[in-house]
Amino acid sequence: MFTVIITTHDRPLLLKRTLASLIAQTCQDFKVVVVSDSGTYLPPYEELSQLSGRFDYVLRCSGEAGPAASRNMGLDIASGEYIVFIDDDDTFEPEHFARFKQRLLVDRPEILFCDFQVRFEDRAVYPPTFISNQSMSIAGATFDSIYVRNTIPNSCLAYRADVVKGVRTDTTMRIYEDWDFLLAAMHGRSLVHLATDTVVIHKTPATAPENMRRGNTREDLTLPVMLELYRRHAAPNMETRLARQALLASADIHFDLSHF
């Protein structure tokens, strides 16, 4: 049913936690593709052995470090009816795939997305120390609203395989590559929401050293990349163009409608 693509970079203990959340799924109708862009540690054999016959572990030796090329390699290998991405520091609650499968079997939606939890933690020790948890509903996300601003985390999406055939992540982008991928996949498609917060996005306090990882300090790119995405993915209607203009205006950035 599912191919789960995990991209990882030098976080072996967190990757073990992500894999453990897959092993704990009440629905085991999935295969896992782990793509690592670093060979500095051994694969998590203990966890992978519990997915025997249902995983590929790929060491990507060429190109720059980063998730984009790794996701593309995972897509090239994927064989499931639906494609799911998850980062190496996030997890799924045990019933995640069971709930997704139950909904997908109803009418095979093209792109399904769900709500999520944000779980703050201190990673100075392992296992990380829990700080707080908040459930986040994104039921209000619509086809049009995603053309303005992306509110759907990558791990919350399940793409039908035919929807992403030929769609790949732009490896030149430093930020918002997930948004670009979603917009490319959405062309002529539909989004369906599932009311379950079975995705857990693990975060650390803003001052934590790990928040200096790739992309987290590139606020200077926000405006030019947003404008580039607006150019690449034309707004589907005038209301969306106006909403794009209003979003930037709310940050005291003013452009005429020709930019949207």
C-alpha atoms as a PDB file:
ATOM      1  CA  MET A   1       0.000   0.000   0.000  1.00  0.00           C
ATOM      2  CA  PHE A   2       2.605   2.580   1.137  1.00  0.00           C
ATOM      3  CA  THR A   3       6.215   3.358   0.397  1.00  0.00           C
ATOM      4  CA  VAL A   4       7.720   5.420   3.225  1.00  0.00           C
ATOM      5  CA  ILE A   5      10.717   7.495   2.159  1.00  0.00           C
ATOM      6  CA  ILE A   6      13.042   8.559   4.995  1.00  0.00           C
ATOM      7  CA  THR A   7      15.913  10.934   4.267  1.00  0.00           C
ATOM      8  CA  THR A   8      18.613  11.024   6.901  1.00  0.00           C
ATOM      9  CA  HIS A   9      21.839  12.904   7.647  1.00  0.00           C
ATOM     10  CA  ASP A  10      24.077  12.041  10.605  1.00  0.00           C
ATOM     11  CA  ARG A  11      21.293  11.479  13.148  1.00  0.00           C
ATOM     12  CA  PRO A  12      21.454   7.712  13.779  1.00  0.00           C
ATOM     13  CA  LEU A  13      19.704   7.741  17.160  1.00  0.00           C
ATOM     14  CA  LEU A  14      16.811   9.850  15.903  1.00  0.00           C
ATOM     15  CA  LEU A  15      16.544   7.632  12.820  1.00  0.00           C
ATOM     16  CA  LYS A  16      16.228   4.607  15.119  1.00  0.00           C
ATOM     17  CA  ARG A  17      13.270   6.339  16.809  1.00  0.00           C
ATOM     18  CA  THR A  18      11.614   7.042  13.454  1.00  0.00           C
ATOM     19  CA  LEU A  19      12.027   3.414  12.399  1.00  0.00           C
ATOM     20  CA  ALA A  20      10.693   2.237  15.777  1.00  0.00           C
ATOM     21  CA  SER A  21       7.522   4.250  15.132  1.00  0.00           C
ATOM     22  CA  LEU A  22       7.090   2.362  11.863  1.00  0.00           C
ATOM     23  CA  ILE A  23       7.705  -1.004  13.497  1.00  0.00           C
ATOM     24  CA  ALA A  24       4.962  -0.122  16.017  1.00  0.00           C
ATOM     25  CA  GLN A  25       2.330   0.548  13.333  1.00  0.00           C
ATOM     26  CA  THR A  26      -0.883  -1.447  13.705  1.00  0.00           C
ATOM     27  CA  CYS A  27      -1.042  -1.558   9.883  1.00  0.00           C
ATOM     28  CA  GLN A  28       2.119  -3.046   8.410  1.00  0.00           C
ATOM     29  CA  ASP A  29       1.151  -2.631   4.739  1.00  0.00           C
ATOM     30  CA  PHE A  30       4.216  -0.594   3.819  1.00  0.00           C
ATOM     31  CA  LYS A  31       7.793  -0.726   2.580  1.00  0.00           C
ATOM     32  CA  VAL A  32      10.530   1.619   3.789  1.00  0.00           C
ATOM     33  CA  VAL A  33      13.198   3.351   1.730  1.00  0.00           C
ATOM     34  CA  VAL A  34      15.938   4.991   3.824  1.00  0.00           C
ATOM     35  CA  VAL A  35      18.302   7.268   1.900  1.00  0.00           C
ATOM     36  CA  SER A  36      21.357   8.519   3.775  1.00  0.00           C
ATOM     37  CA  ASP A  37      23.644  11.208   2.360  1.00  0.00           C
ATOM     38  CA  SER A  38      26.403  10.394   4.863  1.00  0.00           C
ATOM     39  CA  GLY A  39      28.320   7.204   5.548  1.00  0.00           C
ATOM     40  CA  THR A  40      29.707   8.227   8.922  1.00  0.00           C
ATOM     41  CA  TYR A  41      27.738   5.649  10.928  1.00  0.00           C
ATOM     42  CA  LEU A  42      26.448   2.105  10.545  1.00  0.00           C
ATOM     43  CA  PRO A  43      22.830   1.517   9.491  1.00  0.00           C
ATOM     44  CA  PRO A  44      20.409   0.767  12.366  1.00  0.00           C
ATOM     45  CA  TYR A  45      20.511  -3.011  11.869  1.00  0.00           C
ATOM     46  CA  GLU A  46      18.370  -3.853  14.905  1.00  0.00           C
ATOM     47  CA  GLU A  47      15.412  -1.835  13.645  1.00  0.00           C
ATOM     48  CA  LEU A  48      15.896  -2.737   9.994  1.00  0.00           C
ATOM     49  CA  SER A  49      15.956  -6.432  10.885  1.00  0.00           C
ATOM     50  CA  GLN A  50      12.396  -6.039  12.161  1.00  0.00           C
ATOM     51  CA  LEU A  51      11.443  -4.795   8.691  1.00  0.00           C
ATOM     52  CA  SER A  52      13.149  -7.716   6.965  1.00  0.00           C
ATOM     53  CA  GLY A  53      12.238  -7.919   3.285  1.00  0.00           C
ATOM     54  CA  ARG A  54      10.436  -4.576   3.432  1.00  0.00           C
ATOM     55  CA  PHE A  55      13.208  -1.999   3.311  1.00  0.00           C
ATOM     56  CA  ASP A  56      15.929  -0.550   1.107  1.00  0.00           C
ATOM     57  CA  TYR A  57      18.825   1.280   2.766  1.00  0.00           C
ATOM     58  CA  VAL A  58      20.618   3.443   0.239  1.00  0.00           C
ATOM     59  CA  LEU A  59      23.818   5.411   0.804  1.00  0.00           C
ATOM     60  CA  ARG A  60      23.829   8.363  -1.571  1.00  0.00           C
ATOM     61  CA  CYS A  61      27.485   9.135  -2.234  1.00  0.00           C
ATOM     62  CA  SER A  62      27.231  11.886  -4.858  1.00  0.00           C
ATOM     63  CA  GLY A  63      25.960  15.448  -4.763  1.00  0.00           C
ATOM     64  CA  GLU A  64      25.597  17.877  -1.873  1.00  0.00           C
ATOM     65  CA  ALA A  65      24.202  16.815   1.472  1.00  0.00           C
ATOM     66  CA  GLY A  66      20.511  17.583   1.841  1.00  0.00           C
ATOM     67  CA  PRO A  67      17.090  15.973   1.614  1.00  0.00           C
ATOM     68  CA  ALA A  68      16.096  16.975  -1.934  1.00  0.00           C
ATOM     69  CA  ALA A  69      18.346  14.612  -3.889  1.00  0.00           C
ATOM     70  CA  SER A  70      17.726  11.880  -1.310  1.00  0.00           C
ATOM     71  CA  ARG A  71      13.964  12.203  -1.728  1.00  0.00           C
ATOM     72  CA  ASN A  72      14.352  11.972  -5.482  1.00  0.00           C
ATOM     73  CA  MET A  73      16.375   8.787  -5.135  1.00  0.00           C
ATOM     74  CA  GLY A  74      13.699   7.409  -2.824  1.00  0.00           C
ATOM     75  CA  LEU A  75      11.031   8.236  -5.396  1.00  0.00           C
ATOM     76  CA  ASP A  76      12.993   6.371  -8.052  1.00  0.00           C
ATOM     77  CA  ILE A  77      12.905   3.250  -5.873  1.00  0.00           C
ATOM     78  CA  ALA A  78       9.347   3.595  -4.519  1.00  0.00           C
ATOM     79  CA  SER A  79       6.832   0.951  -5.575  1.00  0.00           C
ATOM     80  CA  GLY A  80       3.815   1.477  -3.310  1.00  0.00           C
ATOM     81  CA  GLU A  81       0.355   2.676  -4.281  1.00  0.00           C
ATOM     82  CA  TYR A  82       0.898   5.727  -2.092  1.00  0.00           C
ATOM     83  CA  ILE A  83       4.106   7.611  -1.331  1.00  0.00           C
ATOM     84  CA  VAL A  84       4.773   9.026   2.143  1.00  0.00           C
ATOM     85  CA  PHE A  85       7.753  11.103   3.284  1.00  0.00           C
ATOM     86  CA  ILE A  86       9.042  11.423   6.827  1.00  0.00           C
ATOM     87  CA  ASP A  87      12.144  13.162   8.180  1.00  0.00           C
ATOM     88  CA  ASP A  88      14.597  11.251  10.320  1.00  0.00           C
ATOM     89  CA  ASP A  89      13.619  13.124  13.490  1.00  0.00           C
ATOM     90  CA  ASP A  90       9.825  12.755  13.209  1.00  0.00           C
ATOM     91  CA  THR A  91       7.500   9.874  14.047  1.00  0.00           C
ATOM     92  CA  PHE A  92       4.073   8.409  13.353  1.00  0.00           C
ATOM     93  CA  GLU A  93       1.639   7.354  16.055  1.00  0.00           C
ATOM     94  CA  PRO A  94       0.898   3.581  15.944  1.00  0.00           C
ATOM     95  CA  GLU A  95      -2.479   3.951  14.224  1.00  0.00           C
ATOM     96  CA  HIS A  96      -1.288   6.354  11.497  1.00  0.00           C
ATOM     97  CA  PHE A  97      -1.196   3.966   8.550  1.00  0.00           C
ATOM     98  CA  ALA A  98      -4.322   2.119   9.672  1.00  0.00           C
ATOM     99  CA  ARG A  99      -6.301   5.361   9.609  1.00  0.00           C
ATOM    100  CA  PHE A 100      -4.799   6.464   6.314  1.00  0.00           C
ATOM    101  CA  LYS A 101      -5.463   3.107   4.658  1.00  0.00           C
ATOM    102  CA  GLN A 102      -9.065   3.048   5.865  1.00  0.00           C
ATOM    103  CA  ARG A 103      -9.660   6.446   4.238  1.00  0.00           C
ATOM    104  CA  LEU A 104      -7.672   5.750   1.076  1.00  0.00           C
ATOM    105  CA  LEU A 105      -9.631   2.584   0.322  1.00  0.00           C
ATOM    106  CA  VAL A 106     -12.894   4.553   0.211  1.00  0.00           C
ATOM    107  CA  ASP A 107     -12.243   6.384  -3.072  1.00  0.00           C
ATOM    108  CA  ARG A 108      -8.451   6.460  -3.600  1.00  0.00           C
ATOM    109  CA  PRO A 109      -7.950  10.239  -3.262  1.00  0.00           C
ATOM    110  CA  GLU A 110      -5.038  11.717  -5.186  1.00  0.00           C
ATOM    111  CA  ILE A 111      -3.440  13.566  -2.267  1.00  0.00           C
ATOM    112  CA  LEU A 112      -4.473  12.920   1.341  1.00  0.00           C
ATOM    113  CA  PHE A 113      -3.232  14.999   4.267  1.00  0.00           C
ATOM    114  CA  CYS A 114      -3.807  14.943   8.008  1.00  0.00           C
ATOM    115  CA  ASP A 115      -3.339  17.030  11.144  1.00  0.00           C
ATOM    116  CA  PHE A 116      -0.259  16.733  13.321  1.00  0.00           C
ATOM    117  CA  GLN A 117       1.304  17.240  16.728  1.00  0.00           C
ATOM    118  CA  VAL A 118       4.264  19.471  17.522  1.00  0.00           C
ATOM    119  CA  ARG A 119       6.383  17.908  20.267  1.00  0.00           C
ATOM    120  CA  PHE A 120       9.168  20.036  21.748  1.00  0.00           C
ATOM    121  CA  GLU A 121      12.088  18.171  23.271  1.00  0.00           C
ATOM    122  CA  ASP A 122      15.609  18.608  24.597  1.00  0.00           C
ATOM    123  CA  ARG A 123      18.073  16.548  22.544  1.00  0.00           C
ATOM    124  CA  ALA A 124      21.039  17.134  24.832  1.00  0.00           C
ATOM    125  CA  VAL A 125      20.409  13.583  26.066  1.00  0.00           C
ATOM    126  CA  TYR A 126      19.027  10.411  24.463  1.00  0.00           C
ATOM    127  CA  PRO A 127      16.221   9.590  24.522  1.00  0.00           C
ATOM    128  CA  PRO A 128      15.302  13.288  24.154  1.00  0.00           C
ATOM    129  CA  THR A 129      13.594  14.857  27.153  1.00  0.00           C
ATOM    130  CA  PHE A 130       9.963  15.815  26.600  1.00  0.00           C
ATOM    131  CA  ILE A 131       9.145  19.521  27.004  1.00  0.00           C
ATOM    132  CA  SER A 132       5.636  20.055  25.608  1.00  0.00           C
ATOM    133  CA  ASN A 133       3.130  18.811  23.034  1.00  0.00           C
ATOM    134  CA  GLN A 134       0.502  20.624  20.982  1.00  0.00           C
ATOM    135  CA  SER A 135      -2.057  19.234  18.547  1.00  0.00           C
ATOM    136  CA  MET A 136      -2.367  21.230  15.332  1.00  0.00           C
ATOM    137  CA  SER A 137      -5.394  21.123  13.031  1.00  0.00           C
ATOM    138  CA  ILE A 138      -4.855  22.060   9.379  1.00  0.00           C
ATOM    139  CA  ALA A 139      -8.374  21.191   8.285  1.00  0.00           C
ATOM    140  CA  GLY A 140      -8.653  24.693   6.844  1.00  0.00           C
ATOM    141  CA  ALA A 141      -5.947  24.073   4.249  1.00  0.00           C
ATOM    142  CA  THR A 142      -7.434  24.115   0.741  1.00  0.00           C
ATOM    143  CA  PHE A 143      -6.208  23.717  -2.806  1.00  0.00           C
ATOM    144  CA  ASP A 144      -6.248  27.499  -3.251  1.00  0.00           C
ATOM    145  CA  SER A 145      -4.672  28.334   0.116  1.00  0.00           C
ATOM    146  CA  ILE A 146      -1.607  26.177  -0.620  1.00  0.00           C
ATOM    147  CA  TYR A 147      -0.940  28.383  -3.642  1.00  0.00           C
ATOM    148  CA  VAL A 148      -0.595  31.266  -1.178  1.00  0.00           C
ATOM    149  CA  ARG A 149       1.202  29.665   1.783  1.00  0.00           C
ATOM    150  CA  ASN A 150       2.024  26.079   2.619  1.00  0.00           C
ATOM    151  CA  THR A 151       0.605  24.898   5.946  1.00  0.00           C
ATOM    152  CA  ILE A 152       0.923  21.131   5.379  1.00  0.00           C
ATOM    153  CA  PRO A 153       4.088  19.484   6.751  1.00  0.00           C
ATOM    154  CA  ASN A 154       5.656  17.022   4.344  1.00  0.00           C
ATOM    155  CA  SER A 155       5.150  14.081   6.717  1.00  0.00           C
ATOM    156  CA  CYS A 156       1.389  14.703   6.785  1.00  0.00           C
ATOM    157  CA  LEU A 157       0.893  13.885   3.102  1.00  0.00           C
ATOM    158  CA  ALA A 158       0.213  10.691   1.189  1.00  0.00           C
ATOM    159  CA  TYR A 159       0.573  10.998  -2.589  1.00  0.00           C
ATOM    160  CA  ARG A 160      -1.027   8.476  -4.939  1.00  0.00           C
ATOM    161  CA  ALA A 161       1.843   7.068  -6.985  1.00  0.00           C
ATOM    162  CA  ASP A 162       0.542   8.252 -10.351  1.00  0.00           C
ATOM    163  CA  VAL A 163       0.276  11.809  -8.990  1.00  0.00           C
ATOM    164  CA  VAL A 164       4.028  12.087  -8.380  1.00  0.00           C
ATOM    165  CA  LYS A 165       5.152  10.163 -11.444  1.00  0.00           C
ATOM    166  CA  GLY A 166       7.669  12.505 -13.036  1.00  0.00           C
ATOM    167  CA  VAL A 167       7.506  15.023 -10.150  1.00  0.00           C
ATOM    168  CA  ARG A 168      10.815  15.533  -8.396  1.00  0.00           C
ATOM    169  CA  THR A 169      12.197  17.792  -5.680  1.00  0.00           C
ATOM    170  CA  ASP A 170      14.242  20.742  -6.947  1.00  0.00           C
ATOM    171  CA  THR A 171      17.767  20.100  -5.682  1.00  0.00           C
ATOM    172  CA  THR A 172      18.818  23.735  -6.244  1.00  0.00           C
ATOM    173  CA  MET A 173      16.404  25.139  -3.654  1.00  0.00           C
ATOM    174  CA  ARG A 174      17.697  25.932  -0.166  1.00  0.00           C
ATOM    175  CA  ILE A 175      14.235  26.371   1.371  1.00  0.00           C
ATOM    176  CA  TYR A 176      10.615  25.564   0.487  1.00  0.00           C
ATOM    177  CA  GLU A 177      11.478  22.597  -1.731  1.00  0.00           C
ATOM    178  CA  ASP A 178       8.654  20.651  -0.041  1.00  0.00           C
ATOM    179  CA  TRP A 179       6.195  23.385  -0.972  1.00  0.00           C
ATOM    180  CA  ASP A 180       7.424  23.428  -4.561  1.00  0.00           C
ATOM    181  CA  PHE A 181       7.020  19.635  -4.769  1.00  0.00           C
ATOM    182  CA  LEU A 182       3.480  19.782  -3.375  1.00  0.00           C
ATOM    183  CA  LEU A 183       2.460  22.532  -5.796  1.00  0.00           C
ATOM    184  CA  ALA A 184       3.879  20.576  -8.731  1.00  0.00           C
ATOM    185  CA  ALA A 185       1.986  17.454  -7.646  1.00  0.00           C
ATOM    186  CA  MET A 186      -1.239  19.412  -7.121  1.00  0.00           C
ATOM    187  CA  HIS A 187      -1.568  20.616 -10.715  1.00  0.00           C
ATOM    188  CA  GLY A 188      -4.962  19.349 -11.870  1.00  0.00           C
ATOM    189  CA  ARG A 189      -5.361  17.271  -8.691  1.00  0.00           C
ATOM    190  CA  SER A 190      -7.364  17.498  -5.478  1.00  0.00           C
ATOM    191  CA  LEU A 191      -6.516  17.611  -1.770  1.00  0.00           C
ATOM    192  CA  VAL A 192      -8.461  15.606   0.804  1.00  0.00           C
ATOM    193  CA  HIS A 193      -8.172  16.147   4.567  1.00  0.00           C
ATOM    194  CA  LEU A 194      -8.242  13.378   7.172  1.00  0.00           C
ATOM    195  CA  ALA A 195      -8.990  14.458  10.738  1.00  0.00           C
ATOM    196  CA  THR A 196      -6.283  12.601  12.630  1.00  0.00           C
ATOM    197  CA  ASP A 197      -3.179  14.044  14.310  1.00  0.00           C
ATOM    198  CA  THR A 198      -1.090  10.885  14.036  1.00  0.00           C
ATOM    199  CA  VAL A 199       2.007  12.653  12.662  1.00  0.00           C
ATOM    200  CA  VAL A 200       4.435  13.917  15.304  1.00  0.00           C
ATOM    201  CA  ILE A 201       6.762  16.750  14.291  1.00  0.00           C
ATOM    202  CA  HIS A 202       9.579  16.768  16.839  1.00  0.00           C
ATOM    203  CA  LYS A 203      11.198  20.142  17.479  1.00  0.00           C
ATOM    204  CA  THR A 204      13.792  21.608  19.764  1.00  0.00           C
ATOM    205  CA  PRO A 205      13.933  25.099  21.312  1.00  0.00           C
ATOM    206  CA  ALA A 206      14.901  27.776  18.796  1.00  0.00           C
ATOM    207  CA  THR A 207      18.311  28.320  20.419  1.00  0.00           C
ATOM    208  CA  ALA A 208      19.342  24.652  20.234  1.00  0.00           C
ATOM    209  CA  PRO A 209      22.527  23.982  18.174  1.00  0.00           C
ATOM    210  CA  GLU A 210      20.738  21.575  15.824  1.00  0.00           C
ATOM    211  CA  ASN A 211      18.572  24.420  14.579  1.00  0.00           C
ATOM    212  CA  MET A 212      21.586  25.699  12.680  1.00  0.00           C
ATOM    213  CA  ARG A 213      21.162  22.804  10.239  1.00  0.00           C
ATOM    214  CA  ARG A 214      20.621  23.428   6.545  1.00  0.00           C
ATOM    215  CA  GLY A 215      17.892  25.967   5.700  1.00  0.00           C
ATOM    216  CA  ASN A 216      17.046  27.004   9.245  1.00  0.00           C
ATOM    217  CA  THR A 217      19.046  30.222   9.124  1.00  0.00           C
ATOM    218  CA  ARG A 218      18.204  31.390   5.597  1.00  0.00           C
ATOM    219  CA  GLU A 219      15.542  33.999   6.289  1.00  0.00           C
ATOM    220  CA  ASP A 220      17.163  36.107   3.581  1.00  0.00           C
ATOM    221  CA  LEU A 221      15.841  33.639   1.012  1.00  0.00           C
ATOM    222  CA  THR A 222      12.203  33.730   2.103  1.00  0.00           C
ATOM    223  CA  LEU A 223      10.988  36.544  -0.156  1.00  0.00           C
ATOM    224  CA  PRO A 224      12.910  35.675  -3.345  1.00  0.00           C
ATOM    225  CA  VAL A 225      11.980  31.992  -3.095  1.00  0.00           C
ATOM    226  CA  MET A 226       8.305  32.785  -2.463  1.00  0.00           C
ATOM    227  CA  LEU A 227       8.249  35.049  -5.520  1.00  0.00           C
ATOM    228  CA  GLU A 228       9.932  32.318  -7.574  1.00  0.00           C
ATOM    229  CA  LEU A 229       7.317  29.773  -6.473  1.00  0.00           C
ATOM    230  CA  TYR A 230       4.547  32.222  -7.297  1.00  0.00           C
ATOM    231  CA  ARG A 231       6.095  32.569 -10.767  1.00  0.00           C
ATOM    232  CA  ARG A 232       6.472  28.802 -11.267  1.00  0.00           C
ATOM    233  CA  HIS A 233       3.011  27.917 -10.060  1.00  0.00           C
ATOM    234  CA  ALA A 234       0.451  30.318 -11.444  1.00  0.00           C
ATOM    235  CA  ALA A 235      -2.407  31.198  -9.117  1.00  0.00           C
ATOM    236  CA  PRO A 236      -5.552  29.272 -10.128  1.00  0.00           C
ATOM    237  CA  ASN A 237      -7.812  32.333  -9.870  1.00  0.00           C
ATOM    238  CA  MET A 238      -7.909  36.058  -9.120  1.00  0.00           C
ATOM    239  CA  GLU A 239      -8.817  35.475  -5.463  1.00  0.00           C
ATOM    240  CA  THR A 240      -5.600  33.540  -4.967  1.00  0.00           C
ATOM    241  CA  ARG A 241      -3.546  36.223  -6.686  1.00  0.00           C
ATOM    242  CA  LEU A 242      -5.049  38.832  -4.385  1.00  0.00           C
ATOM    243  CA  ALA A 243      -4.402  36.600  -1.365  1.00  0.00           C
ATOM    244  CA  ARG A 244      -0.735  36.287  -2.353  1.00  0.00           C
ATOM    245  CA  GLN A 245      -0.479  40.042  -2.658  1.00  0.00           C
ATOM    246  CA  ALA A 246      -2.199  40.549   0.704  1.00  0.00           C
ATOM    247  CA  LEU A 247       0.096  38.066   2.469  1.00  0.00           C
ATOM    248  CA  LEU A 248       3.197  40.003   1.466  1.00  0.00           C
ATOM    249  CA  ALA A 249       1.507  43.315   2.169  1.00  0.00           C
ATOM    250  CA  SER A 250       0.886  42.126   5.740  1.00  0.00           C
ATOM    251  CA  ALA A 251       4.693  42.039   6.093  1.00  0.00           C
ATOM    252  CA  ASP A 252       4.908  45.531   4.569  1.00  0.00           C
ATOM    253  CA  ILE A 253       6.131  44.136   1.235  1.00  0.00           C
ATOM    254  CA  HIS A 254       4.237  45.627  -1.679  1.00  0.00           C
ATOM    255  CA  PHE A 255       4.154  44.399  -5.263  1.00  0.00           C
ATOM    256  CA  ASP A 256       1.612  44.927  -8.015  1.00  0.00           C
ATOM    257  CA  LEU A 257      -0.513  41.985  -9.185  1.00  0.00           C
ATOM    258  CA  SER A 258       1.821  41.175 -12.065  1.00  0.00           C
ATOM    259  CA  HIS A 259       4.079  39.372  -9.531  1.00  0.00           C
ATOM    260  CA  PHE A 260       1.318  37.000  -8.459  1.00  0.00           C
END
